[in-house]
PDBML (XML) file of the C-alpha atoms, coordinates in Angstrom:
<?xml version="1.0" encoding="UTF-8" ?>
<PDBx:datablock datablockName="MODEL"
   xmlns:PDBx="http://pdbml.pdb.org/schema/pdbx-v50.xsd"
   xmlns:xsi="http://www.w3.org/2001/XMLSchema-instance"
   xsi:schemaLocation="http://pdbml.pdb.org/schema/pdbx-v50.xsd pdbx-v50.xsd">
   <PDBx:atom_siteCategory>
      <PDBx:atom_site id="1">
         <PDBx:B_iso_or_equiv>0.00</PDBx:B_iso_or_equiv>
         <PDBx:Cartn_x>9.980</PDBx:Cartn_x>
         <PDBx:Cartn_y>-6.452</PDBx:Cartn_y>
         <PDBx:Cartn_z>-3.338</PDBx:Cartn_z>
         <PDBx:auth_asym_id>A</PDBx:auth_asym_id>
         <PDBx:auth_atom_id>CA</PDBx:auth_atom_id>
         <PDBx:auth_comp_id>UNK</PDBx:auth_comp_id>
         <PDBx:auth_seq_id>1</PDBx:auth_seq_id>
         <PDBx:group_PDB>ATOM</PDBx:group_PDB>
         <PDBx:label_alt_id xsi:nil="true" />
         <PDBx:label_asym_id>A</PDBx:label_asym_id>
         <PDBx:label_atom_id>CA</PDBx:label_atom_id>
         <PDBx:label_comp_id>UNK</PDBx:label_comp_id>
         <PDBx:label_entity_id>1</PDBx:label_entity_id>
         <PDBx:label_seq_id>1</PDBx:label_seq_id>
         <PDBx:occupancy>1.00</PDBx:occupancy>
         <PDBx:pdbx_PDB_model_num>1</PDBx:pdbx_PDB_model_num>
         <PDBx:type_symbol>C</PDBx:type_symbol>
      </PDBx:atom_site>
      <PDBx:atom_site id="2">
         <PDBx:B_iso_or_equiv>0.00</PDBx:B_iso_or_equiv>
         <PDBx:Cartn_x>9.558</PDBx:Cartn_x>
         <PDBx:Cartn_y>-4.055</PDBx:Cartn_y>
         <PDBx:Cartn_z>-0.453</PDBx:Cartn_z>
         <PDBx:auth_asym_id>A</PDBx:auth_asym_id>
         <PDBx:auth_atom_id>CA</PDBx:auth_atom_id>
         <PDBx:auth_comp_id>UNK</PDBx:auth_comp_id>
         <PDBx:auth_seq_id>2</PDBx:auth_seq_id>
         <PDBx:group_PDB>ATOM</PDBx:group_PDB>
         <PDBx:label_alt_id xsi:nil="true" />
         <PDBx:label_asym_id>A</PDBx:label_asym_id>
         <PDBx:label_atom_id>CA</PDBx:label_atom_id>
         <PDBx:label_comp_id>UNK</PDBx:label_comp_id>
         <PDBx:label_entity_id>1</PDBx:label_entity_id>
         <PDBx:label_seq_id>2</PDBx:label_seq_id>
         <PDBx:occupancy>1.00</PDBx:occupancy>
         <PDBx:pdbx_PDB_model_num>1</PDBx:pdbx_PDB_model_num>
         <PDBx:type_symbol>C</PDBx:type_symbol>
      </PDBx:atom_site>
      <PDBx:atom_site id="3">
         <PDBx:B_iso_or_equiv>0.00</PDBx:B_iso_or_equiv>
         <PDBx:Cartn_x>7.793</PDBx:Cartn_x>
         <PDBx:Cartn_y>-4.249</PDBx:Cartn_y>
         <PDBx:Cartn_z>3.091</PDBx:Cartn_z>
         <PDBx:auth_asym_id>A</PDBx:auth_asym_id>
         <PDBx:auth_atom_id>CA</PDBx:auth_atom_id>
         <PDBx:auth_comp_id>UNK</PDBx:auth_comp_id>
         <PDBx:auth_seq_id>3</PDBx:auth_seq_id>
         <PDBx:group_PDB>ATOM</PDBx:group_PDB>
         <PDBx:label_alt_id xsi:nil="true" />
         <PDBx:label_asym_id>A</PDBx:label_asym_id>
         <PDBx:label_atom_id>CA</PDBx:label_atom_id>
         <PDBx:label_comp_id>UNK</PDBx:label_comp_id>
         <PDBx:label_entity_id>1</PDBx:label_entity_id>
         <PDBx:label_seq_id>3</PDBx:label_seq_id>
         <PDBx:occupancy>1.00</PDBx:occupancy>
         <PDBx:pdbx_PDB_model_num>1</PDBx:pdbx_PDB_model_num>
         <PDBx:type_symbol>C</PDBx:type_symbol>
      </PDBx:atom_site>
      <PDBx:atom_site id="4">
         <PDBx:B_iso_or_equiv>0.00</PDBx:B_iso_or_equiv>
         <PDBx:Cartn_x>8.133</PDBx:Cartn_x>
         <PDBx:Cartn_y>-1.464</PDBx:Cartn_y>
         <PDBx:Cartn_z>5.635</PDBx:Cartn_z>
         <PDBx:auth_asym_id>A</PDBx:auth_asym_id>
         <PDBx:auth_atom_id>CA</PDBx:auth_atom_id>
         <PDBx:auth_comp_id>UNK</PDBx:auth_comp_id>
         <PDBx:auth_seq_id>4</PDBx:auth_seq_id>
         <PDBx:group_PDB>ATOM</PDBx:group_PDB>
         <PDBx:label_alt_id xsi:nil="true" />
         <PDBx:label_asym_id>A</PDBx:label_asym_id>
         <PDBx:label_atom_id>CA</PDBx:label_atom_id>
         <PDBx:label_comp_id>UNK</PDBx:label_comp_id>
         <PDBx:label_entity_id>1</PDBx:label_entity_id>
         <PDBx:label_seq_id>4</PDBx:label_seq_id>
         <PDBx:occupancy>1.00</PDBx:occupancy>
         <PDBx:pdbx_PDB_model_num>1</PDBx:pdbx_PDB_model_num>
         <PDBx:type_symbol>C</PDBx:type_symbol>
      </PDBx:atom_site>
      <PDBx:atom_site id="5">
         <PDBx:B_iso_or_equiv>0.00</PDBx:B_iso_or_equiv>
         <PDBx:Cartn_x>6.529</PDBx:Cartn_x>
         <PDBx:Cartn_y>-0.414</PDBx:Cartn_y>
         <PDBx:Cartn_z>9.171</PDBx:Cartn_z>
         <PDBx:auth_asym_id>A</PDBx:auth_asym_id>
         <PDBx:auth_atom_id>CA</PDBx:auth_atom_id>
         <PDBx:auth_comp_id>UNK</PDBx:auth_comp_id>
         <PDBx:auth_seq_id>5</PDBx:auth_seq_id>
         <PDBx:group_PDB>ATOM</PDBx:group_PDB>
         <PDBx:label_alt_id xsi:nil="true" />
         <PDBx:label_asym_id>A</PDBx:label_asym_id>
         <PDBx:label_atom_id>CA</PDBx:label_atom_id>
         <PDBx:label_comp_id>UNK</PDBx:label_comp_id>
         <PDBx:label_entity_id>1</PDBx:label_entity_id>
         <PDBx:label_seq_id>5</PDBx:label_seq_id>
         <PDBx:occupancy>1.00</PDBx:occupancy>
         <PDBx:pdbx_PDB_model_num>1</PDBx:pdbx_PDB_model_num>
         <PDBx:type_symbol>C</PDBx:type_symbol>
      </PDBx:atom_site>
      <PDBx:atom_site id="6">
         <PDBx:B_iso_or_equiv>0.00</PDBx:B_iso_or_equiv>
         <PDBx:Cartn_x>4.762</PDBx:Cartn_x>
         <PDBx:Cartn_y>2.938</PDBx:Cartn_y>
         <PDBx:Cartn_z>7.162</PDBx:Cartn_z>
         <PDBx:auth_asym_id>A</PDBx:auth_asym_id>
         <PDBx:auth_atom_id>CA</PDBx:auth_atom_id>
         <PDBx:auth_comp_id>UNK</PDBx:auth_comp_id>
         <PDBx:auth_seq_id>6</PDBx:auth_seq_id>
         <PDBx:group_PDB>ATOM</PDBx:group_PDB>
         <PDBx:label_alt_id xsi:nil="true" />
         <PDBx:label_asym_id>A</PDBx:label_asym_id>
         <PDBx:label_atom_id>CA</PDBx:label_atom_id>
         <PDBx:label_comp_id>UNK</PDBx:label_comp_id>
         <PDBx:label_entity_id>1</PDBx:label_entity_id>
         <PDBx:label_seq_id>6</PDBx:label_seq_id>
         <PDBx:occupancy>1.00</PDBx:occupancy>
         <PDBx:pdbx_PDB_model_num>1</PDBx:pdbx_PDB_model_num>
         <PDBx:type_symbol>C</PDBx:type_symbol>
      </PDBx:atom_site>
      <PDBx:atom_site id="7">
         <PDBx:B_iso_or_equiv>0.00</PDBx:B_iso_or_equiv>
         <PDBx:Cartn_x>5.160</PDBx:Cartn_x>
         <PDBx:Cartn_y>4.751</PDBx:Cartn_y>
         <PDBx:Cartn_z>3.903</PDBx:Cartn_z>
         <PDBx:auth_asym_id>A</PDBx:auth_asym_id>
         <PDBx:auth_atom_id>CA</PDBx:auth_atom_id>
         <PDBx:auth_comp_id>UNK</PDBx:auth_comp_id>
         <PDBx:auth_seq_id>7</PDBx:auth_seq_id>
         <PDBx:group_PDB>ATOM</PDBx:group_PDB>
         <PDBx:label_alt_id xsi:nil="true" />
         <PDBx:label_asym_id>A</PDBx:label_asym_id>
         <PDBx:label_atom_id>CA</PDBx:label_atom_id>
         <PDBx:label_comp_id>UNK</PDBx:label_comp_id>
         <PDBx:label_entity_id>1</PDBx:label_entity_id>
         <PDBx:label_seq_id>7</PDBx:label_seq_id>
         <PDBx:occupancy>1.00</PDBx:occupancy>
         <PDBx:pdbx_PDB_model_num>1</PDBx:pdbx_PDB_model_num>
         <PDBx:type_symbol>C</PDBx:type_symbol>
      </PDBx:atom_site>
      <PDBx:atom_site id="8">
         <PDBx:B_iso_or_equiv>0.00</PDBx:B_iso_or_equiv>
         <PDBx:Cartn_x>7.870</PDBx:Cartn_x>
         <PDBx:Cartn_y>6.978</PDBx:Cartn_y>
         <PDBx:Cartn_z>4.517</PDBx:Cartn_z>
         <PDBx:auth_asym_id>A</PDBx:auth_asym_id>
         <PDBx:auth_atom_id>CA</PDBx:auth_atom_id>
         <PDBx:auth_comp_id>UNK</PDBx:auth_comp_id>
         <PDBx:auth_seq_id>8</PDBx:auth_seq_id>
         <PDBx:group_PDB>ATOM</PDBx:group_PDB>
         <PDBx:label_alt_id xsi:nil="true" />
         <PDBx:label_asym_id>A</PDBx:label_asym_id>
         <PDBx:label_atom_id>CA</PDBx:label_atom_id>
         <PDBx:label_comp_id>UNK</PDBx:label_comp_id>
         <PDBx:label_entity_id>1</PDBx:label_entity_id>
         <PDBx:label_seq_id>8</PDBx:label_seq_id>
         <PDBx:occupancy>1.00</PDBx:occupancy>
         <PDBx:pdbx_PDB_model_num>1</PDBx:pdbx_PDB_model_num>
         <PDBx:type_symbol>C</PDBx:type_symbol>
      </PDBx:atom_site>
      <PDBx:atom_site id="9">
         <PDBx:B_iso_or_equiv>0.00</PDBx:B_iso_or_equiv>
         <PDBx:Cartn_x>10.210</PDBx:Cartn_x>
         <PDBx:Cartn_y>4.212</PDBx:Cartn_y>
         <PDBx:Cartn_z>5.273</PDBx:Cartn_z>
         <PDBx:auth_asym_id>A</PDBx:auth_asym_id>
         <PDBx:auth_atom_id>CA</PDBx:auth_atom_id>
         <PDBx:auth_comp_id>UNK</PDBx:auth_comp_id>
         <PDBx:auth_seq_id>9</PDBx:auth_seq_id>
         <PDBx:group_PDB>ATOM</PDBx:group_PDB>
         <PDBx:label_alt_id xsi:nil="true" />
         <PDBx:label_asym_id>A</PDBx:label_asym_id>
         <PDBx:label_atom_id>CA</PDBx:label_atom_id>
         <PDBx:label_comp_id>UNK</PDBx:label_comp_id>
         <PDBx:label_entity_id>1</PDBx:label_entity_id>
         <PDBx:label_seq_id>9</PDBx:label_seq_id>
         <PDBx:occupancy>1.00</PDBx:occupancy>
         <PDBx:pdbx_PDB_model_num>1</PDBx:pdbx_PDB_model_num>
         <PDBx:type_symbol>C</PDBx:type_symbol>
      </PDBx:atom_site>
      <PDBx:atom_site id="10">
         <PDBx:B_iso_or_equiv>0.00</PDBx:B_iso_or_equiv>
         <PDBx:Cartn_x>8.957</PDBx:Cartn_x>
         <PDBx:Cartn_y>2.040</PDBx:Cartn_y>
         <PDBx:Cartn_z>2.102</PDBx:Cartn_z>
         <PDBx:auth_asym_id>A</PDBx:auth_asym_id>
         <PDBx:auth_atom_id>CA</PDBx:auth_atom_id>
         <PDBx:auth_comp_id>UNK</PDBx:auth_comp_id>
         <PDBx:auth_seq_id>10</PDBx:auth_seq_id>
         <PDBx:group_PDB>ATOM</PDBx:group_PDB>
         <PDBx:label_alt_id xsi:nil="true" />
         <PDBx:label_asym_id>A</PDBx:label_asym_id>
         <PDBx:label_atom_id>CA</PDBx:label_atom_id>
         <PDBx:label_comp_id>UNK</PDBx:label_comp_id>
         <PDBx:label_entity_id>1</PDBx:label_entity_id>
         <PDBx:label_seq_id>10</PDBx:label_seq_id>
         <PDBx:occupancy>1.00</PDBx:occupancy>
         <PDBx:pdbx_PDB_model_num>1</PDBx:pdbx_PDB_model_num>
         <PDBx:type_symbol>C</PDBx:type_symbol>
      </PDBx:atom_site>
      <PDBx:atom_site id="11">
         <PDBx:B_iso_or_equiv>0.00</PDBx:B_iso_or_equiv>
         <PDBx:Cartn_x>9.451</PDBx:Cartn_x>
         <PDBx:Cartn_y>5.482</PDBx:Cartn_y>
         <PDBx:Cartn_z>0.310</PDBx:Cartn_z>
         <PDBx:auth_asym_id>A</PDBx:auth_asym_id>
         <PDBx:auth_atom_id>CA</PDBx:auth_atom_id>
         <PDBx:auth_comp_id>UNK</PDBx:auth_comp_id>
         <PDBx:auth_seq_id>11</PDBx:auth_seq_id>
         <PDBx:group_PDB>ATOM</PDBx:group_PDB>
         <PDBx:label_alt_id xsi:nil="true" />
         <PDBx:label_asym_id>A</PDBx:label_asym_id>
         <PDBx:label_atom_id>CA</PDBx:label_atom_id>
         <PDBx:label_comp_id>UNK</PDBx:label_comp_id>
         <PDBx:label_entity_id>1</PDBx:label_entity_id>
         <PDBx:label_seq_id>11</PDBx:label_seq_id>
         <PDBx:occupancy>1.00</PDBx:occupancy>
         <PDBx:pdbx_PDB_model_num>1</PDBx:pdbx_PDB_model_num>
         <PDBx:type_symbol>C</PDBx:type_symbol>
      </PDBx:atom_site>
      <PDBx:atom_site id="12">
         <PDBx:B_iso_or_equiv>0.00</PDBx:B_iso_or_equiv>
         <PDBx:Cartn_x>13.111</PDBx:Cartn_x>
         <PDBx:Cartn_y>6.122</PDBx:Cartn_y>
         <PDBx:Cartn_z>1.301</PDBx:Cartn_z>
         <PDBx:auth_asym_id>A</PDBx:auth_asym_id>
         <PDBx:auth_atom_id>CA</PDBx:auth_atom_id>
         <PDBx:auth_comp_id>UNK</PDBx:auth_comp_id>
         <PDBx:auth_seq_id>12</PDBx:auth_seq_id>
         <PDBx:group_PDB>ATOM</PDBx:group_PDB>
         <PDBx:label_alt_id xsi:nil="true" />
         <PDBx:label_asym_id>A</PDBx:label_asym_id>
         <PDBx:label_atom_id>CA</PDBx:label_atom_id>
         <PDBx:label_comp_id>UNK</PDBx:label_comp_id>
         <PDBx:label_entity_id>1</PDBx:label_entity_id>
         <PDBx:label_seq_id>12</PDBx:label_seq_id>
         <PDBx:occupancy>1.00</PDBx:occupancy>
         <PDBx:pdbx_PDB_model_num>1</PDBx:pdbx_PDB_model_num>
         <PDBx:type_symbol>C</PDBx:type_symbol>
      </PDBx:atom_site>
      <PDBx:atom_site id="13">
         <PDBx:B_iso_or_equiv>0.00</PDBx:B_iso_or_equiv>
         <PDBx:Cartn_x>14.065</PDBx:Cartn_x>
         <PDBx:Cartn_y>2.504</PDBx:Cartn_y>
         <PDBx:Cartn_z>0.352</PDBx:Cartn_z>
         <PDBx:auth_asym_id>A</PDBx:auth_asym_id>
         <PDBx:auth_atom_id>CA</PDBx:auth_atom_id>
         <PDBx:auth_comp_id>UNK</PDBx:auth_comp_id>
         <PDBx:auth_seq_id>13</PDBx:auth_seq_id>
         <PDBx:group_PDB>ATOM</PDBx:group_PDB>
         <PDBx:label_alt_id xsi:nil="true" />
         <PDBx:label_asym_id>A</PDBx:label_asym_id>
         <PDBx:label_atom_id>CA</PDBx:label_atom_id>
         <PDBx:label_comp_id>UNK</PDBx:label_comp_id>
         <PDBx:label_entity_id>1</PDBx:label_entity_id>
         <PDBx:label_seq_id>13</PDBx:label_seq_id>
         <PDBx:occupancy>1.00</PDBx:occupancy>
         <PDBx:pdbx_PDB_model_num>1</PDBx:pdbx_PDB_model_num>
         <PDBx:type_symbol>C</PDBx:type_symbol>
      </PDBx:atom_site>
      <PDBx:atom_site id="14">
         <PDBx:B_iso_or_equiv>0.00</PDBx:B_iso_or_equiv>
         <PDBx:Cartn_x>12.342</PDBx:Cartn_x>
         <PDBx:Cartn_y>2.630</PDBx:Cartn_y>
         <PDBx:Cartn_z>-3.062</PDBx:Cartn_z>
         <PDBx:auth_asym_id>A</PDBx:auth_asym_id>
         <PDBx:auth_atom_id>CA</PDBx:auth_atom_id>
         <PDBx:auth_comp_id>UNK</PDBx:auth_comp_id>
         <PDBx:auth_seq_id>14</PDBx:auth_seq_id>
         <PDBx:group_PDB>ATOM</PDBx:group_PDB>
         <PDBx:label_alt_id xsi:nil="true" />
         <PDBx:label_asym_id>A</PDBx:label_asym_id>
         <PDBx:label_atom_id>CA</PDBx:label_atom_id>
         <PDBx:label_comp_id>UNK</PDBx:label_comp_id>
         <PDBx:label_entity_id>1</PDBx:label_entity_id>
         <PDBx:label_seq_id>14</PDBx:label_seq_id>
         <PDBx:occupancy>1.00</PDBx:occupancy>
         <PDBx:pdbx_PDB_model_num>1</PDBx:pdbx_PDB_model_num>
         <PDBx:type_symbol>C</PDBx:type_symbol>
      </PDBx:atom_site>
      <PDBx:atom_site id="15">
         <PDBx:B_iso_or_equiv>0.00</PDBx:B_iso_or_equiv>
         <PDBx:Cartn_x>14.301</PDBx:Cartn_x>
         <PDBx:Cartn_y>5.826</PDBx:Cartn_y>
         <PDBx:Cartn_z>-3.785</PDBx:Cartn_z>
         <PDBx:auth_asym_id>A</PDBx:auth_asym_id>
         <PDBx:auth_atom_id>CA</PDBx:auth_atom_id>
         <PDBx:auth_comp_id>UNK</PDBx:auth_comp_id>
         <PDBx:auth_seq_id>15</PDBx:auth_seq_id>
         <PDBx:group_PDB>ATOM</PDBx:group_PDB>
         <PDBx:label_alt_id xsi:nil="true" />
         <PDBx:label_asym_id>A</PDBx:label_asym_id>
         <PDBx:label_atom_id>CA</PDBx:label_atom_id>
         <PDBx:label_comp_id>UNK</PDBx:label_comp_id>
         <PDBx:label_entity_id>1</PDBx:label_entity_id>
         <PDBx:label_seq_id>15</PDBx:label_seq_id>
         <PDBx:occupancy>1.00</PDBx:occupancy>
         <PDBx:pdbx_PDB_model_num>1</PDBx:pdbx_PDB_model_num>
         <PDBx:type_symbol>C</PDBx:type_symbol>
      </PDBx:atom_site>
      <PDBx:atom_site id="16">
         <PDBx:B_iso_or_equiv>0.00</PDBx:B_iso_or_equiv>
         <PDBx:Cartn_x>17.976</PDBx:Cartn_x>
         <PDBx:Cartn_y>4.120</PDBx:Cartn_y>
         <PDBx:Cartn_z>-2.664</PDBx:Cartn_z>
         <PDBx:auth_asym_id>A</PDBx:auth_asym_id>
         <PDBx:auth_atom_id>CA</PDBx:auth_atom_id>
         <PDBx:auth_comp_id>UNK</PDBx:auth_comp_id>
         <PDBx:auth_seq_id>16</PDBx:auth_seq_id>
         <PDBx:group_PDB>ATOM</PDBx:group_PDB>
         <PDBx:label_alt_id xsi:nil="true" />
         <PDBx:label_asym_id>A</PDBx:label_asym_id>
         <PDBx:label_atom_id>CA</PDBx:label_atom_id>
         <PDBx:label_comp_id>UNK</PDBx:label_comp_id>
         <PDBx:label_entity_id>1</PDBx:label_entity_id>
         <PDBx:label_seq_id>16</PDBx:label_seq_id>
         <PDBx:occupancy>1.00</PDBx:occupancy>
         <PDBx:pdbx_PDB_model_num>1</PDBx:pdbx_PDB_model_num>
         <PDBx:type_symbol>C</PDBx:type_symbol>
      </PDBx:atom_site>
      <PDBx:atom_site id="17">
         <PDBx:B_iso_or_equiv>0.00</PDBx:B_iso_or_equiv>
         <PDBx:Cartn_x>16.907</PDBx:Cartn_x>
         <PDBx:Cartn_y>0.906</PDBx:Cartn_y>
         <PDBx:Cartn_z>-5.497</PDBx:Cartn_z>
         <PDBx:auth_asym_id>A</PDBx:auth_asym_id>
         <PDBx:auth_atom_id>CA</PDBx:auth_atom_id>
         <PDBx:auth_comp_id>UNK</PDBx:auth_comp_id>
         <PDBx:auth_seq_id>17</PDBx:auth_seq_id>
         <PDBx:group_PDB>ATOM</PDBx:group_PDB>
         <PDBx:label_alt_id xsi:nil="true" />
         <PDBx:label_asym_id>A</PDBx:label_asym_id>
         <PDBx:label_atom_id>CA</PDBx:label_atom_id>
         <PDBx:label_comp_id>UNK</PDBx:label_comp_id>
         <PDBx:label_entity_id>1</PDBx:label_entity_id>
         <PDBx:label_seq_id>17</PDBx:label_seq_id>
         <PDBx:occupancy>1.00</PDBx:occupancy>
         <PDBx:pdbx_PDB_model_num>1</PDBx:pdbx_PDB_model_num>
         <PDBx:type_symbol>C</PDBx:type_symbol>
      </PDBx:atom_site>
      <PDBx:atom_site id="18">
         <PDBx:B_iso_or_equiv>0.00</PDBx:B_iso_or_equiv>
         <PDBx:Cartn_x>15.832</PDBx:Cartn_x>
         <PDBx:Cartn_y>3.657</PDBx:Cartn_y>
         <PDBx:Cartn_z>-8.111</PDBx:Cartn_z>
         <PDBx:auth_asym_id>A</PDBx:auth_asym_id>
         <PDBx:auth_atom_id>CA</PDBx:auth_atom_id>
         <PDBx:auth_comp_id>UNK</PDBx:auth_comp_id>
         <PDBx:auth_seq_id>18</PDBx:auth_seq_id>
         <PDBx:group_PDB>ATOM</PDBx:group_PDB>
         <PDBx:label_alt_id xsi:nil="true" />
         <PDBx:label_asym_id>A</PDBx:label_asym_id>
         <PDBx:label_atom_id>CA</PDBx:label_atom_id>
         <PDBx:label_comp_id>UNK</PDBx:label_comp_id>
         <PDBx:label_entity_id>1</PDBx:label_entity_id>
         <PDBx:label_seq_id>18</PDBx:label_seq_id>
         <PDBx:occupancy>1.00</PDBx:occupancy>
         <PDBx:pdbx_PDB_model_num>1</PDBx:pdbx_PDB_model_num>
         <PDBx:type_symbol>C</PDBx:type_symbol>
      </PDBx:atom_site>
      <PDBx:atom_site id="19">
         <PDBx:B_iso_or_equiv>0.00</PDBx:B_iso_or_equiv>
         <PDBx:Cartn_x>19.181</PDBx:Cartn_x>
         <PDBx:Cartn_y>5.390</PDBx:Cartn_y>
         <PDBx:Cartn_z>-7.745</PDBx:Cartn_z>
         <PDBx:auth_asym_id>A</PDBx:auth_asym_id>
         <PDBx:auth_atom_id>CA</PDBx:auth_atom_id>
         <PDBx:auth_comp_id>UNK</PDBx:auth_comp_id>
         <PDBx:auth_seq_id>19</PDBx:auth_seq_id>
         <PDBx:group_PDB>ATOM</PDBx:group_PDB>
         <PDBx:label_alt_id xsi:nil="true" />
         <PDBx:label_asym_id>A</PDBx:label_asym_id>
         <PDBx:label_atom_id>CA</PDBx:label_atom_id>
         <PDBx:label_comp_id>UNK</PDBx:label_comp_id>
         <PDBx:label_entity_id>1</PDBx:label_entity_id>
         <PDBx:label_seq_id>19</PDBx:label_seq_id>
         <PDBx:occupancy>1.00</PDBx:occupancy>
         <PDBx:pdbx_PDB_model_num>1</PDBx:pdbx_PDB_model_num>
         <PDBx:type_symbol>C</PDBx:type_symbol>
      </PDBx:atom_site>
      <PDBx:atom_site id="20">
         <PDBx:B_iso_or_equiv>0.00</PDBx:B_iso_or_equiv>
         <PDBx:Cartn_x>21.081</PDBx:Cartn_x>
         <PDBx:Cartn_y>1.977</PDBx:Cartn_y>
         <PDBx:Cartn_z>-7.867</PDBx:Cartn_z>
         <PDBx:auth_asym_id>A</PDBx:auth_asym_id>
         <PDBx:auth_atom_id>CA</PDBx:auth_atom_id>
         <PDBx:auth_comp_id>UNK</PDBx:auth_comp_id>
         <PDBx:auth_seq_id>20</PDBx:auth_seq_id>
         <PDBx:group_PDB>ATOM</PDBx:group_PDB>
         <PDBx:label_alt_id xsi:nil="true" />
         <PDBx:label_asym_id>A</PDBx:label_asym_id>
         <PDBx:label_atom_id>CA</PDBx:label_atom_id>
         <PDBx:label_comp_id>UNK</PDBx:label_comp_id>
         <PDBx:label_entity_id>1</PDBx:label_entity_id>
         <PDBx:label_seq_id>20</PDBx:label_seq_id>
         <PDBx:occupancy>1.00</PDBx:occupancy>
         <PDBx:pdbx_PDB_model_num>1</PDBx:pdbx_PDB_model_num>
         <PDBx:type_symbol>C</PDBx:type_symbol>
      </PDBx:atom_site>
      <PDBx:atom_site id="21">
         <PDBx:B_iso_or_equiv>0.00</PDBx:B_iso_or_equiv>
         <PDBx:Cartn_x>19.272</PDBx:Cartn_x>
         <PDBx:Cartn_y>1.579</PDBx:Cartn_y>
         <PDBx:Cartn_z>-11.225</PDBx:Cartn_z>
         <PDBx:auth_asym_id>A</PDBx:auth_asym_id>
         <PDBx:auth_atom_id>CA</PDBx:auth_atom_id>
         <PDBx:auth_comp_id>UNK</PDBx:auth_comp_id>
         <PDBx:auth_seq_id>21</PDBx:auth_seq_id>
         <PDBx:group_PDB>ATOM</PDBx:group_PDB>
         <PDBx:label_alt_id xsi:nil="true" />
         <PDBx:label_asym_id>A</PDBx:label_asym_id>
         <PDBx:label_atom_id>CA</PDBx:label_atom_id>
         <PDBx:label_comp_id>UNK</PDBx:label_comp_id>
         <PDBx:label_entity_id>1</PDBx:label_entity_id>
         <PDBx:label_seq_id>21</PDBx:label_seq_id>
         <PDBx:occupancy>1.00</PDBx:occupancy>
         <PDBx:pdbx_PDB_model_num>1</PDBx:pdbx_PDB_model_num>
         <PDBx:type_symbol>C</PDBx:type_symbol>
      </PDBx:atom_site>
      <PDBx:atom_site id="22">
         <PDBx:B_iso_or_equiv>0.00</PDBx:B_iso_or_equiv>
         <PDBx:Cartn_x>20.359</PDBx:Cartn_x>
         <PDBx:Cartn_y>5.185</PDBx:Cartn_y>
         <PDBx:Cartn_z>-12.607</PDBx:Cartn_z>
         <PDBx:auth_asym_id>A</PDBx:auth_asym_id>
         <PDBx:auth_atom_id>CA</PDBx:auth_atom_id>
         <PDBx:auth_comp_id>UNK</PDBx:auth_comp_id>
         <PDBx:auth_seq_id>22</PDBx:auth_seq_id>
         <PDBx:group_PDB>ATOM</PDBx:group_PDB>
         <PDBx:label_alt_id xsi:nil="true" />
         <PDBx:label_asym_id>A</PDBx:label_asym_id>
         <PDBx:label_atom_id>CA</PDBx:label_atom_id>
         <PDBx:label_comp_id>UNK</PDBx:label_comp_id>
         <PDBx:label_entity_id>1</PDBx:label_entity_id>
         <PDBx:label_seq_id>22</PDBx:label_seq_id>
         <PDBx:occupancy>1.00</PDBx:occupancy>
         <PDBx:pdbx_PDB_model_num>1</PDBx:pdbx_PDB_model_num>
         <PDBx:type_symbol>C</PDBx:type_symbol>
      </PDBx:atom_site>
      <PDBx:atom_site id="23">
         <PDBx:B_iso_or_equiv>0.00</PDBx:B_iso_or_equiv>
         <PDBx:Cartn_x>16.883</PDBx:Cartn_x>
         <PDBx:Cartn_y>6.255</PDBx:Cartn_y>
         <PDBx:Cartn_z>-13.013</PDBx:Cartn_z>
         <PDBx:auth_asym_id>A</PDBx:auth_asym_id>
         <PDBx:auth_atom_id>CA</PDBx:auth_atom_id>
         <PDBx:auth_comp_id>UNK</PDBx:auth_comp_id>
         <PDBx:auth_seq_id>23</PDBx:auth_seq_id>
         <PDBx:group_PDB>ATOM</PDBx:group_PDB>
         <PDBx:label_alt_id xsi:nil="true" />
         <PDBx:label_asym_id>A</PDBx:label_asym_id>
         <PDBx:label_atom_id>CA</PDBx:label_atom_id>
         <PDBx:label_comp_id>UNK</PDBx:label_comp_id>
         <PDBx:label_entity_id>1</PDBx:label_entity_id>
         <PDBx:label_seq_id>23</PDBx:label_seq_id>
         <PDBx:occupancy>1.00</PDBx:occupancy>
         <PDBx:pdbx_PDB_model_num>1</PDBx:pdbx_PDB_model_num>
         <PDBx:type_symbol>C</PDBx:type_symbol>
      </PDBx:atom_site>
      <PDBx:atom_site id="24">
         <PDBx:B_iso_or_equiv>0.00</PDBx:B_iso_or_equiv>
         <PDBx:Cartn_x>15.795</PDBx:Cartn_x>
         <PDBx:Cartn_y>9.639</PDBx:Cartn_y>
         <PDBx:Cartn_z>-12.756</PDBx:Cartn_z>
         <PDBx:auth_asym_id>A</PDBx:auth_asym_id>
         <PDBx:auth_atom_id>CA</PDBx:auth_atom_id>
         <PDBx:auth_comp_id>UNK</PDBx:auth_comp_id>
         <PDBx:auth_seq_id>24</PDBx:auth_seq_id>
         <PDBx:group_PDB>ATOM</PDBx:group_PDB>
         <PDBx:label_alt_id xsi:nil="true" />
         <PDBx:label_asym_id>A</PDBx:label_asym_id>
         <PDBx:label_atom_id>CA</PDBx:label_atom_id>
         <PDBx:label_comp_id>UNK</PDBx:label_comp_id>
         <PDBx:label_entity_id>1</PDBx:label_entity_id>
         <PDBx:label_seq_id>24</PDBx:label_seq_id>
         <PDBx:occupancy>1.00</PDBx:occupancy>
         <PDBx:pdbx_PDB_model_num>1</PDBx:pdbx_PDB_model_num>
         <PDBx:type_symbol>C</PDBx:type_symbol>
      </PDBx:atom_site>
      <PDBx:atom_site id="25">
         <PDBx:B_iso_or_equiv>0.00</PDBx:B_iso_or_equiv>
         <PDBx:Cartn_x>13.235</PDBx:Cartn_x>
         <PDBx:Cartn_y>10.727</PDBx:Cartn_y>
         <PDBx:Cartn_z>-10.217</PDBx:Cartn_z>
         <PDBx:auth_asym_id>A</PDBx:auth_asym_id>
         <PDBx:auth_atom_id>CA</PDBx:auth_atom_id>
         <PDBx:auth_comp_id>UNK</PDBx:auth_comp_id>
         <PDBx:auth_seq_id>25</PDBx:auth_seq_id>
         <PDBx:group_PDB>ATOM</PDBx:group_PDB>
         <PDBx:label_alt_id xsi:nil="true" />
         <PDBx:label_asym_id>A</PDBx:label_asym_id>
         <PDBx:label_atom_id>CA</PDBx:label_atom_id>
         <PDBx:label_comp_id>UNK</PDBx:label_comp_id>
         <PDBx:label_entity_id>1</PDBx:label_entity_id>
         <PDBx:label_seq_id>25</PDBx:label_seq_id>
         <PDBx:occupancy>1.00</PDBx:occupancy>
         <PDBx:pdbx_PDB_model_num>1</PDBx:pdbx_PDB_model_num>
         <PDBx:type_symbol>C</PDBx:type_symbol>
      </PDBx:atom_site>
   </PDBx:atom_siteCategory>
</PDBx:datablock>
C-alpha cells in the first residue's frame, strides 16, 4: 500500500517496489 503527498513521489516508490519484484516496467 502506498500513500504520498503527490503523484511523482508515489510513482517513484511504486517503481522501487516493482524493481524488488523483478518486474520489467
